[in-house]
Amino acid sequence: MSDVPLPYQVTRVWPETADTVSIALAPAGGARLAPFAPGQFAMVYAFGVGEIPVSVSRIRHQELVHTVRSVGAVSAALSALLPGDHVGLRGPFGTGWNLGAAMGQELLVIAGGIGLAPLRPPIVAALAAPHAYGRLNLLVGARTPDDVLYAGQLRAWSAFRRLHCVVPVDRPSPAWRGNVGLVTTLLNDAGFTAGNTTAFVCGPEVMIRATARDLVGRGLPPHRIRVSLERNMRCATGHCGHCQLGGVLLCRDGPVNDWERAEDLLAVREL
């Protein structure tokens, strides 16, 4: 893990939605960051603007892909990058999804909005190991059809026989022929086996809470529900305290935790 930003060059940039882009980065010199595990994040520095934590949305050889939604000064600067531009990268930080602990089980992946970005690496890894896992259920929620992240890849994934993919939207367009409603309302259609399933959940905090509690109510043990509590992470060094929940610093001890622990952490913040 590097505390000093290393130079990385933008190799490709492509739009995902109207306000979201994916940026492929490769080492610009001899130095490179240590390998990332699915679920970990990097601190991405836009020169002259600042840095923000961004989960790795794809890992391919030495190339890292980050999916960024333009919501502030730094993310706007990153979204405006062009091939050949440079950024600074620190990392890897945080905990991974620990996909290996779910070997032999069915997988239930539930994402809300850009929460699909940090979940893409474990999905790709599971599809690449068809004999290691059971059925893969994927529920991806979005506000509108135009906000569906990785729409082309979702269609490609749907061709896999062992993957069941459902994409509901909150506000459908007249041409939308898919599901409508909150992603949590479609758990009945997932068809998972509670006694042999591990769930991975990422999205808005209110969605994570509702989904995790619903899954527990359906018999899924809390320790087999993995959630990402990406919240106000800034320095990634454990010093600023913006991501602190109780005695846990999410940049150091998270953001991925099982629900058995995450529920207690969120309860502490409400006290």
C-alpha atoms as a PDB file:
ATOM      1  CA  MET A   1       0.000   0.000   0.000  1.00  0.00           C
ATOM      2  CA  SER A   2       1.380   3.390  -0.991  1.00  0.00           C
ATOM      3  CA  ASP A   3       0.810   6.604   1.013  1.00  0.00           C
ATOM      4  CA  VAL A   4       2.443   8.637  -1.741  1.00  0.00           C
ATOM      5  CA  PRO A   5       0.474   9.013  -5.003  1.00  0.00           C
ATOM      6  CA  LEU A   6       2.050   7.146  -7.891  1.00  0.00           C
ATOM      7  CA  PRO A   7       1.642   8.474 -11.436  1.00  0.00           C
ATOM      8  CA  TYR A   8      -0.905   6.624 -13.576  1.00  0.00           C
ATOM      9  CA  GLN A   9      -1.828   7.455 -17.157  1.00  0.00           C
ATOM     10  CA  VAL A  10      -5.334   7.480 -18.573  1.00  0.00           C
ATOM     11  CA  THR A  11      -5.479   4.896 -21.369  1.00  0.00           C
ATOM     12  CA  ARG A  12      -9.206   4.989 -22.103  1.00  0.00           C
ATOM     13  CA  VAL A  13     -12.297   6.962 -21.056  1.00  0.00           C
ATOM     14  CA  TRP A  14     -15.868   6.089 -21.980  1.00  0.00           C
ATOM     15  CA  PRO A  15     -19.321   7.227 -20.840  1.00  0.00           C
ATOM     16  CA  GLU A  16     -21.554   4.934 -18.805  1.00  0.00           C
ATOM     17  CA  THR A  17     -24.497   7.304 -18.236  1.00  0.00           C
ATOM     18  CA  ALA A  18     -25.071  11.042 -18.674  1.00  0.00           C
ATOM     19  CA  ASP A  19     -23.106  11.856 -15.495  1.00  0.00           C
ATOM     20  CA  THR A  20     -20.890   8.796 -15.094  1.00  0.00           C
ATOM     21  CA  VAL A  21     -17.730   7.681 -16.883  1.00  0.00           C
ATOM     22  CA  SER A  22     -15.285   4.803 -16.600  1.00  0.00           C
ATOM     23  CA  ILE A  23     -11.587   5.585 -16.644  1.00  0.00           C
ATOM     24  CA  ALA A  24      -8.905   2.992 -17.422  1.00  0.00           C
ATOM     25  CA  LEU A  25      -5.513   3.671 -15.837  1.00  0.00           C
ATOM     26  CA  ALA A  26      -2.086   2.118 -16.288  1.00  0.00           C
ATOM     27  CA  PRO A  27       1.216   2.800 -14.477  1.00  0.00           C
ATOM     28  CA  ALA A  28       2.993   5.769 -16.017  1.00  0.00           C
ATOM     29  CA  GLY A  29       6.446   4.714 -14.818  1.00  0.00           C
ATOM     30  CA  GLY A  30       8.259   1.772 -13.315  1.00  0.00           C
ATOM     31  CA  ALA A  31       6.470   1.992  -9.949  1.00  0.00           C
ATOM     32  CA  ARG A  32       2.988   0.529  -9.606  1.00  0.00           C
ATOM     33  CA  LEU A  33       0.568  -0.149  -6.803  1.00  0.00           C
ATOM     34  CA  ALA A  34       0.203  -3.552  -5.183  1.00  0.00           C
ATOM     35  CA  PRO A  35      -2.570  -5.771  -6.606  1.00  0.00           C
ATOM     36  CA  PHE A  36      -6.135  -4.833  -5.669  1.00  0.00           C
ATOM     37  CA  ALA A  37      -8.685  -7.318  -4.340  1.00  0.00           C
ATOM     38  CA  PRO A  38     -12.326  -6.960  -5.456  1.00  0.00           C
ATOM     39  CA  GLY A  39     -13.970  -4.499  -3.076  1.00  0.00           C
ATOM     40  CA  GLN A  40     -10.890  -2.434  -2.299  1.00  0.00           C
ATOM     41  CA  PHE A  41     -10.539   1.196  -3.348  1.00  0.00           C
ATOM     42  CA  ALA A  42      -7.896   3.719  -4.380  1.00  0.00           C
ATOM     43  CA  MET A  43      -7.436   7.383  -3.585  1.00  0.00           C
ATOM     44  CA  VAL A  44      -7.473   9.042  -7.008  1.00  0.00           C
ATOM     45  CA  TYR A  45      -5.788  12.453  -7.223  1.00  0.00           C
ATOM     46  CA  ALA A  46      -6.738  14.977  -9.900  1.00  0.00           C
ATOM     47  CA  PHE A  47      -3.724  17.246 -10.147  1.00  0.00           C
ATOM     48  CA  GLY A  48      -4.425  20.744  -8.946  1.00  0.00           C
ATOM     49  CA  VAL A  49      -7.895  19.838  -7.659  1.00  0.00           C
ATOM     50  CA  GLY A  50      -7.741  17.143  -4.977  1.00  0.00           C
ATOM     51  CA  GLU A  51      -8.341  13.450  -4.384  1.00  0.00           C
ATOM     52  CA  ILE A  52     -11.302  11.222  -3.628  1.00  0.00           C
ATOM     53  CA  PRO A  53     -11.759   7.529  -2.784  1.00  0.00           C
ATOM     54  CA  VAL A  54     -12.991   5.479  -5.736  1.00  0.00           C
ATOM     55  CA  SER A  55     -13.647   1.733  -5.776  1.00  0.00           C
ATOM     56  CA  VAL A  56     -11.999  -0.313  -8.490  1.00  0.00           C
ATOM     57  CA  SER A  57     -14.699  -1.408 -10.921  1.00  0.00           C
ATOM     58  CA  ARG A  58     -12.509  -3.677 -13.035  1.00  0.00           C
ATOM     59  CA  ILE A  59      -9.088  -5.260 -12.676  1.00  0.00           C
ATOM     60  CA  ARG A  60      -7.336  -6.485 -15.810  1.00  0.00           C
ATOM     61  CA  HIS A  61      -3.616  -7.255 -15.681  1.00  0.00           C
ATOM     62  CA  GLN A  62      -1.921  -3.932 -14.775  1.00  0.00           C
ATOM     63  CA  GLU A  63      -4.914  -1.849 -15.832  1.00  0.00           C
ATOM     64  CA  LEU A  64      -7.330  -0.497 -13.240  1.00  0.00           C
ATOM     65  CA  VAL A  65     -10.764   0.821 -14.136  1.00  0.00           C
ATOM     66  CA  HIS A  66     -12.586   3.338 -11.952  1.00  0.00           C
ATOM     67  CA  THR A  67     -16.202   4.334 -12.544  1.00  0.00           C
ATOM     68  CA  VAL A  68     -16.802   7.935 -11.456  1.00  0.00           C
ATOM     69  CA  ARG A  69     -20.025   9.899 -11.124  1.00  0.00           C
ATOM     70  CA  SER A  70     -19.586  13.660 -11.460  1.00  0.00           C
ATOM     71  CA  VAL A  71     -20.965  15.094  -8.216  1.00  0.00           C
ATOM     72  CA  GLY A  72     -18.208  17.429  -6.993  1.00  0.00           C
ATOM     73  CA  ALA A  73     -15.084  19.311  -8.012  1.00  0.00           C
ATOM     74  CA  VAL A  74     -12.714  16.330  -7.967  1.00  0.00           C
ATOM     75  CA  SER A  75     -15.099  13.862  -9.589  1.00  0.00           C
ATOM     76  CA  ALA A  76     -15.921  16.470 -12.251  1.00  0.00           C
ATOM     77  CA  ALA A  77     -12.204  16.903 -12.975  1.00  0.00           C
ATOM     78  CA  LEU A  78     -11.745  13.134 -13.220  1.00  0.00           C
ATOM     79  CA  SER A  79     -14.759  12.843 -15.513  1.00  0.00           C
ATOM     80  CA  ALA A  80     -13.162  15.374 -17.866  1.00  0.00           C
ATOM     81  CA  LEU A  81      -9.903  13.430 -18.262  1.00  0.00           C
ATOM     82  CA  LEU A  82      -8.728  12.365 -21.707  1.00  0.00           C
ATOM     83  CA  PRO A  83      -6.435   9.529 -22.840  1.00  0.00           C
ATOM     84  CA  GLY A  84      -2.848  10.541 -22.167  1.00  0.00           C
ATOM     85  CA  ASP A  85      -3.708  12.594 -19.071  1.00  0.00           C
ATOM     86  CA  HIS A  86      -2.230  11.653 -15.720  1.00  0.00           C
ATOM     87  CA  VAL A  87      -3.585  11.160 -12.199  1.00  0.00           C
ATOM     88  CA  GLY A  88      -2.060  10.169  -8.893  1.00  0.00           C
ATOM     89  CA  LEU A  89      -3.083   6.905  -7.252  1.00  0.00           C
ATOM     90  CA  ARG A  90      -2.710   5.654  -3.673  1.00  0.00           C
ATOM     91  CA  GLY A  91      -3.749   2.246  -2.435  1.00  0.00           C
ATOM     92  CA  PRO A  92      -5.008  -0.383  -2.261  1.00  0.00           C
ATOM     93  CA  PHE A  93      -7.147   0.466   0.751  1.00  0.00           C
ATOM     94  CA  GLY A  94      -9.949  -1.256   2.614  1.00  0.00           C
ATOM     95  CA  THR A  95     -11.310  -4.752   2.808  1.00  0.00           C
ATOM     96  CA  GLY A  96     -12.415  -6.938  -0.087  1.00  0.00           C
ATOM     97  CA  TRP A  97     -15.627  -8.826  -0.723  1.00  0.00           C
ATOM     98  CA  ASN A  98     -13.962 -12.121   0.296  1.00  0.00           C
ATOM     99  CA  LEU A  99     -15.570 -14.000  -2.570  1.00  0.00           C
ATOM    100  CA  GLY A 100     -13.474 -17.072  -1.763  1.00  0.00           C
ATOM    101  CA  ALA A 101     -15.423 -17.640   1.457  1.00  0.00           C
ATOM    102  CA  ALA A 102     -18.574 -18.170  -0.644  1.00  0.00           C
ATOM    103  CA  MET A 103     -17.186 -21.006  -2.766  1.00  0.00           C
ATOM    104  CA  GLY A 104     -19.757 -23.739  -3.291  1.00  0.00           C
ATOM    105  CA  GLN A 105     -22.657 -21.420  -2.508  1.00  0.00           C
ATOM    106  CA  GLU A 106     -25.197 -19.501  -4.542  1.00  0.00           C
ATOM    107  CA  LEU A 107     -24.448 -15.797  -4.893  1.00  0.00           C
ATOM    108  CA  LEU A 108     -26.963 -12.979  -4.533  1.00  0.00           C
ATOM    109  CA  VAL A 109     -25.640  -9.606  -5.718  1.00  0.00           C
ATOM    110  CA  ILE A 110     -27.834  -6.557  -5.066  1.00  0.00           C
ATOM    111  CA  ALA A 111     -26.758  -3.126  -6.287  1.00  0.00           C
ATOM    112  CA  GLY A 112     -28.322   0.310  -6.225  1.00  0.00           C
ATOM    113  CA  GLY A 113     -27.149   2.940  -8.713  1.00  0.00           C
ATOM    114  CA  ILE A 114     -23.376   3.325  -8.873  1.00  0.00           C
ATOM    115  CA  GLY A 115     -23.151   0.641  -6.175  1.00  0.00           C
ATOM    116  CA  LEU A 116     -22.804  -1.800  -9.064  1.00  0.00           C
ATOM    117  CA  ALA A 117     -19.287  -0.472  -9.761  1.00  0.00           C
ATOM    118  CA  PRO A 118     -17.484  -2.066  -6.770  1.00  0.00           C
ATOM    119  CA  LEU A 119     -19.584  -5.211  -7.246  1.00  0.00           C
ATOM    120  CA  ARG A 120     -18.510  -5.772 -10.852  1.00  0.00           C
ATOM    121  CA  PRO A 121     -15.131  -7.438 -10.011  1.00  0.00           C
ATOM    122  CA  PRO A 122     -16.690 -10.235  -7.896  1.00  0.00           C
ATOM    123  CA  ILE A 123     -19.380 -10.779 -10.542  1.00  0.00           C
ATOM    124  CA  VAL A 124     -16.726 -11.146 -13.253  1.00  0.00           C
ATOM    125  CA  ALA A 125     -14.655 -13.428 -11.018  1.00  0.00           C
ATOM    126  CA  ALA A 126     -17.650 -15.657 -10.240  1.00  0.00           C
ATOM    127  CA  LEU A 127     -18.623 -15.952 -13.906  1.00  0.00           C
ATOM    128  CA  ALA A 128     -15.027 -16.883 -14.743  1.00  0.00           C
ATOM    129  CA  ALA A 129     -15.167 -19.776 -12.249  1.00  0.00           C
ATOM    130  CA  PRO A 130     -18.410 -21.584 -13.165  1.00  0.00           C
ATOM    131  CA  HIS A 131     -17.618 -24.683 -11.120  1.00  0.00           C
ATOM    132  CA  ALA A 132     -16.721 -22.803  -7.938  1.00  0.00           C
ATOM    133  CA  TYR A 133     -20.119 -21.229  -7.270  1.00  0.00           C
ATOM    134  CA  GLY A 134     -23.773 -22.049  -7.643  1.00  0.00           C
ATOM    135  CA  ARG A 135     -26.392 -19.894  -9.275  1.00  0.00           C
ATOM    136  CA  LEU A 136     -25.712 -16.156  -9.453  1.00  0.00           C
ATOM    137  CA  ASN A 137     -28.685 -13.858  -8.842  1.00  0.00           C
ATOM    138  CA  LEU A 138     -28.118 -10.228  -9.809  1.00  0.00           C
ATOM    139  CA  LEU A 139     -30.569  -7.449  -8.886  1.00  0.00           C
ATOM    140  CA  VAL A 140     -29.593  -3.983 -10.108  1.00  0.00           C
ATOM    141  CA  GLY A 141     -31.711  -0.939  -9.273  1.00  0.00           C
ATOM    142  CA  ALA A 142     -31.586   2.484 -10.959  1.00  0.00           C
ATOM    143  CA  ARG A 143     -33.621   5.700 -10.897  1.00  0.00           C
ATOM    144  CA  THR A 144     -34.442   5.706 -14.626  1.00  0.00           C
ATOM    145  CA  PRO A 145     -33.570   3.533 -17.645  1.00  0.00           C
ATOM    146  CA  ASP A 146     -30.910   6.092 -18.605  1.00  0.00           C
ATOM    147  CA  ASP A 147     -29.253   5.662 -15.202  1.00  0.00           C
ATOM    148  CA  VAL A 148     -28.676   1.909 -15.527  1.00  0.00           C
ATOM    149  CA  LEU A 149     -24.955   1.345 -15.113  1.00  0.00           C
ATOM    150  CA  TYR A 150     -23.107  -1.009 -17.492  1.00  0.00           C
ATOM    151  CA  ALA A 151     -26.281  -1.587 -19.494  1.00  0.00           C
ATOM    152  CA  GLY A 152     -24.451  -3.369 -22.327  1.00  0.00           C
ATOM    153  CA  GLN A 153     -22.559  -5.622 -19.947  1.00  0.00           C
ATOM    154  CA  LEU A 154     -25.749  -6.473 -18.062  1.00  0.00           C
ATOM    155  CA  ARG A 155     -27.254  -7.687 -21.340  1.00  0.00           C
ATOM    156  CA  ALA A 156     -24.141  -9.764 -22.014  1.00  0.00           C
ATOM    157  CA  TRP A 157     -24.182 -11.267 -18.520  1.00  0.00           C
ATOM    158  CA  SER A 158     -27.828 -12.242 -18.971  1.00  0.00           C
ATOM    159  CA  ALA A 159     -26.705 -14.718 -21.638  1.00  0.00           C
ATOM    160  CA  PHE A 160     -25.037 -16.862 -18.967  1.00  0.00           C
ATOM    161  CA  ARG A 161     -27.374 -19.710 -18.038  1.00  0.00           C
ATOM    162  CA  ARG A 162     -26.338 -19.732 -14.406  1.00  0.00           C
ATOM    163  CA  LEU A 163     -26.969 -15.995 -13.967  1.00  0.00           C
ATOM    164  CA  HIS A 164     -30.418 -14.575 -13.270  1.00  0.00           C
ATOM    165  CA  CYS A 165     -30.416 -10.801 -13.834  1.00  0.00           C
ATOM    166  CA  VAL A 166     -33.250  -8.403 -12.962  1.00  0.00           C
ATOM    167  CA  VAL A 167     -33.003  -4.623 -13.495  1.00  0.00           C
ATOM    168  CA  PRO A 168     -35.842  -2.557 -11.966  1.00  0.00           C
ATOM    169  CA  VAL A 169     -36.090   1.239 -12.278  1.00  0.00           C
ATOM    170  CA  ASP A 170     -37.911   3.736 -10.055  1.00  0.00           C
ATOM    171  CA  ARG A 171     -39.153   6.038 -12.819  1.00  0.00           C
ATOM    172  CA  PRO A 172     -39.714   4.220 -16.115  1.00  0.00           C
ATOM    173  CA  SER A 173     -39.751   5.900 -19.513  1.00  0.00           C
ATOM    174  CA  PRO A 174     -42.655   5.241 -21.915  1.00  0.00           C
ATOM    175  CA  ALA A 175     -40.449   2.810 -23.828  1.00  0.00           C
ATOM    176  CA  TRP A 176     -39.300   0.854 -20.746  1.00  0.00           C
ATOM    177  CA  ARG A 177     -40.477  -2.767 -20.794  1.00  0.00           C
ATOM    178  CA  GLY A 178     -38.557  -3.988 -17.772  1.00  0.00           C
ATOM    179  CA  ASN A 179     -39.328  -4.157 -14.066  1.00  0.00           C
ATOM    180  CA  VAL A 180     -40.475  -1.102 -12.114  1.00  0.00           C
ATOM    181  CA  GLY A 181     -39.991  -0.443  -8.406  1.00  0.00           C
ATOM    182  CA  LEU A 182     -37.359  -0.604  -5.702  1.00  0.00           C
ATOM    183  CA  VAL A 183     -34.813  -3.380  -5.986  1.00  0.00           C
ATOM    184  CA  THR A 184     -35.830  -4.689  -2.552  1.00  0.00           C
ATOM    185  CA  THR A 185     -39.345  -5.456  -3.815  1.00  0.00           C
ATOM    186  CA  LEU A 186     -37.976  -8.063  -6.236  1.00  0.00           C
ATOM    187  CA  LEU A 187     -36.331 -10.404  -3.744  1.00  0.00           C
ATOM    188  CA  ASN A 188     -39.263 -12.803  -4.155  1.00  0.00           C
ATOM    189  CA  ASP A 189     -38.220 -13.259  -7.794  1.00  0.00           C
ATOM    190  CA  ALA A 190     -34.582 -14.000  -6.995  1.00  0.00           C
ATOM    191  CA  GLY A 191     -35.291 -17.604  -6.049  1.00  0.00           C
ATOM    192  CA  PHE A 192     -32.237 -18.001  -3.805  1.00  0.00           C
ATOM    193  CA  THR A 193     -31.774 -20.714  -1.190  1.00  0.00           C
ATOM    194  CA  ALA A 194     -31.258 -18.975   2.148  1.00  0.00           C
ATOM    195  CA  GLY A 195     -29.315 -21.868   3.653  1.00  0.00           C
ATOM    196  CA  ASN A 196     -26.759 -21.899   0.853  1.00  0.00           C
ATOM    197  CA  THR A 197     -26.407 -18.284  -0.302  1.00  0.00           C
ATOM    198  CA  THR A 198     -23.976 -15.447   0.295  1.00  0.00           C
ATOM    199  CA  ALA A 199     -25.231 -11.940  -0.503  1.00  0.00           C
ATOM    200  CA  PHE A 200     -23.229  -8.904  -1.584  1.00  0.00           C
ATOM    201  CA  VAL A 201     -24.983  -5.532  -1.256  1.00  0.00           C
ATOM    202  CA  CYS A 202     -23.867  -2.031  -2.244  1.00  0.00           C
ATOM    203  CA  GLY A 203     -25.811   1.172  -2.820  1.00  0.00           C
ATOM    204  CA  PRO A 204     -27.383   4.029  -0.845  1.00  0.00           C
ATOM    205  CA  GLU A 205     -27.295   3.392   2.889  1.00  0.00           C
ATOM    206  CA  VAL A 206     -31.088   3.316   3.214  1.00  0.00           C
ATOM    207  CA  MET A 207     -31.211   0.650   0.520  1.00  0.00           C
ATOM    208  CA  ILE A 208     -28.478  -1.394   2.236  1.00  0.00           C
ATOM    209  CA  ARG A 209     -30.352  -1.331   5.542  1.00  0.00           C
ATOM    210  CA  ALA A 210     -33.681  -2.341   4.018  1.00  0.00           C
ATOM    211  CA  THR A 211     -32.131  -5.075   1.893  1.00  0.00           C
ATOM    212  CA  ALA A 212     -30.026  -6.604   4.659  1.00  0.00           C
ATOM    213  CA  ARG A 213     -32.925  -6.669   7.112  1.00  0.00           C
ATOM    214  CA  ASP A 214     -35.197  -8.210   4.488  1.00  0.00           C
ATOM    215  CA  LEU A 215     -32.619 -10.898   3.740  1.00  0.00           C
ATOM    216  CA  VAL A 216     -32.258 -11.723   7.433  1.00  0.00           C
ATOM    217  CA  GLY A 217     -36.036 -11.993   7.632  1.00  0.00           C
ATOM    218  CA  ARG A 218     -35.916 -14.487   4.783  1.00  0.00           C
ATOM    219  CA  GLY A 219     -33.485 -16.702   6.685  1.00  0.00           C
ATOM    220  CA  LEU A 220     -30.119 -15.534   5.372  1.00  0.00           C
ATOM    221  CA  PRO A 221     -27.611 -15.430   8.273  1.00  0.00           C
ATOM    222  CA  PRO A 222     -26.199 -11.916   8.908  1.00  0.00           C
ATOM    223  CA  HIS A 223     -22.613 -13.163   8.629  1.00  0.00           C
ATOM    224  CA  ARG A 224     -23.312 -14.223   5.036  1.00  0.00           C
ATOM    225  CA  ILE A 225     -24.574 -10.801   4.000  1.00  0.00           C
ATOM    226  CA  ARG A 226     -21.644  -8.621   2.908  1.00  0.00           C
ATOM    227  CA  VAL A 227     -22.282  -4.882   2.592  1.00  0.00           C
ATOM    228  CA  SER A 228     -20.144  -1.909   1.590  1.00  0.00           C
ATOM    229  CA  LEU A 229     -20.399   1.132   3.859  1.00  0.00           C
ATOM    230  CA  GLU A 230     -18.624   3.642   1.615  1.00  0.00           C
ATOM    231  CA  ARG A 231     -19.194   6.808   3.599  1.00  0.00           C
ATOM    232  CA  ASN A 232     -17.315  10.122   3.758  1.00  0.00           C
ATOM    233  CA  MET A 233     -13.911   8.534   3.226  1.00  0.00           C
ATOM    234  CA  ARG A 234     -11.290  11.221   2.639  1.00  0.00           C
ATOM    235  CA  CYS A 235      -7.721  10.553   3.713  1.00  0.00           C
ATOM    236  CA  ALA A 236      -7.609   6.717   3.606  1.00  0.00           C
ATOM    237  CA  THR A 237      -4.872   6.840   6.242  1.00  0.00           C
ATOM    238  CA  GLY A 238      -7.086   6.554   9.318  1.00  0.00           C
ATOM    239  CA  HIS A 239      -6.273  10.041  10.605  1.00  0.00           C
ATOM    240  CA  CYS A 240      -9.089  12.433   9.646  1.00  0.00           C
ATOM    241  CA  GLY A 241     -11.924  10.439  11.263  1.00  0.00           C
ATOM    242  CA  HIS A 242     -14.560  11.294   8.656  1.00  0.00           C
ATOM    243  CA  CYS A 243     -15.309   7.612   8.041  1.00  0.00           C
ATOM    244  CA  GLN A 244     -15.358   6.572  11.691  1.00  0.00           C
ATOM    245  CA  LEU A 245     -18.230   4.437  12.947  1.00  0.00           C
ATOM    246  CA  GLY A 246     -17.751   3.625  16.627  1.00  0.00           C
ATOM    247  CA  GLY A 247     -14.256   2.213  16.965  1.00  0.00           C
ATOM    248  CA  VAL A 248     -14.012   1.351  13.268  1.00  0.00           C
ATOM    249  CA  LEU A 249     -12.405   3.440  10.533  1.00  0.00           C
ATOM    250  CA  LEU A 250     -13.992   2.346   7.274  1.00  0.00           C
ATOM    251  CA  CYS A 251     -10.964   3.303   5.186  1.00  0.00           C
ATOM    252  CA  ARG A 252      -8.843   0.949   7.283  1.00  0.00           C
ATOM    253  CA  ASP A 253     -11.304  -1.678   8.556  1.00  0.00           C
ATOM    254  CA  GLY A 254     -13.881  -1.492   5.746  1.00  0.00           C
ATOM    255  CA  PRO A 255     -15.758  -0.444   3.746  1.00  0.00           C
ATOM    256  CA  VAL A 256     -16.873  -4.060   3.243  1.00  0.00           C
ATOM    257  CA  ASN A 257     -18.231  -5.744   6.366  1.00  0.00           C
ATOM    258  CA  ASP A 258     -20.696  -8.497   7.049  1.00  0.00           C
ATOM    259  CA  TRP A 259     -24.118  -7.332   8.210  1.00  0.00           C
ATOM    260  CA  GLU A 260     -23.593  -8.873  11.630  1.00  0.00           C
ATOM    261  CA  ARG A 261     -20.954  -6.204  12.239  1.00  0.00           C
ATOM    262  CA  ALA A 262     -22.279  -3.445   9.984  1.00  0.00           C
ATOM    263  CA  GLU A 263     -25.661  -3.272  11.732  1.00  0.00           C
ATOM    264  CA  ASP A 264     -23.944  -2.653  15.063  1.00  0.00           C
ATOM    265  CA  LEU A 265     -21.735   0.042  13.515  1.00  0.00           C
ATOM    266  CA  LEU A 266     -24.699   1.886  12.039  1.00  0.00           C
ATOM    267  CA  ALA A 267     -26.559   1.630  15.345  1.00  0.00           C
ATOM    268  CA  VAL A 268     -23.649   3.300  17.139  1.00  0.00           C
ATOM    269  CA  ARG A 269     -23.837   6.269  14.794  1.00  0.00           C
ATOM    270  CA  GLU A 270     -27.550   6.740  15.572  1.00  0.00           C
ATOM    271  CA  LEU A 271     -26.954   7.004  19.334  1.00  0.00           C
END
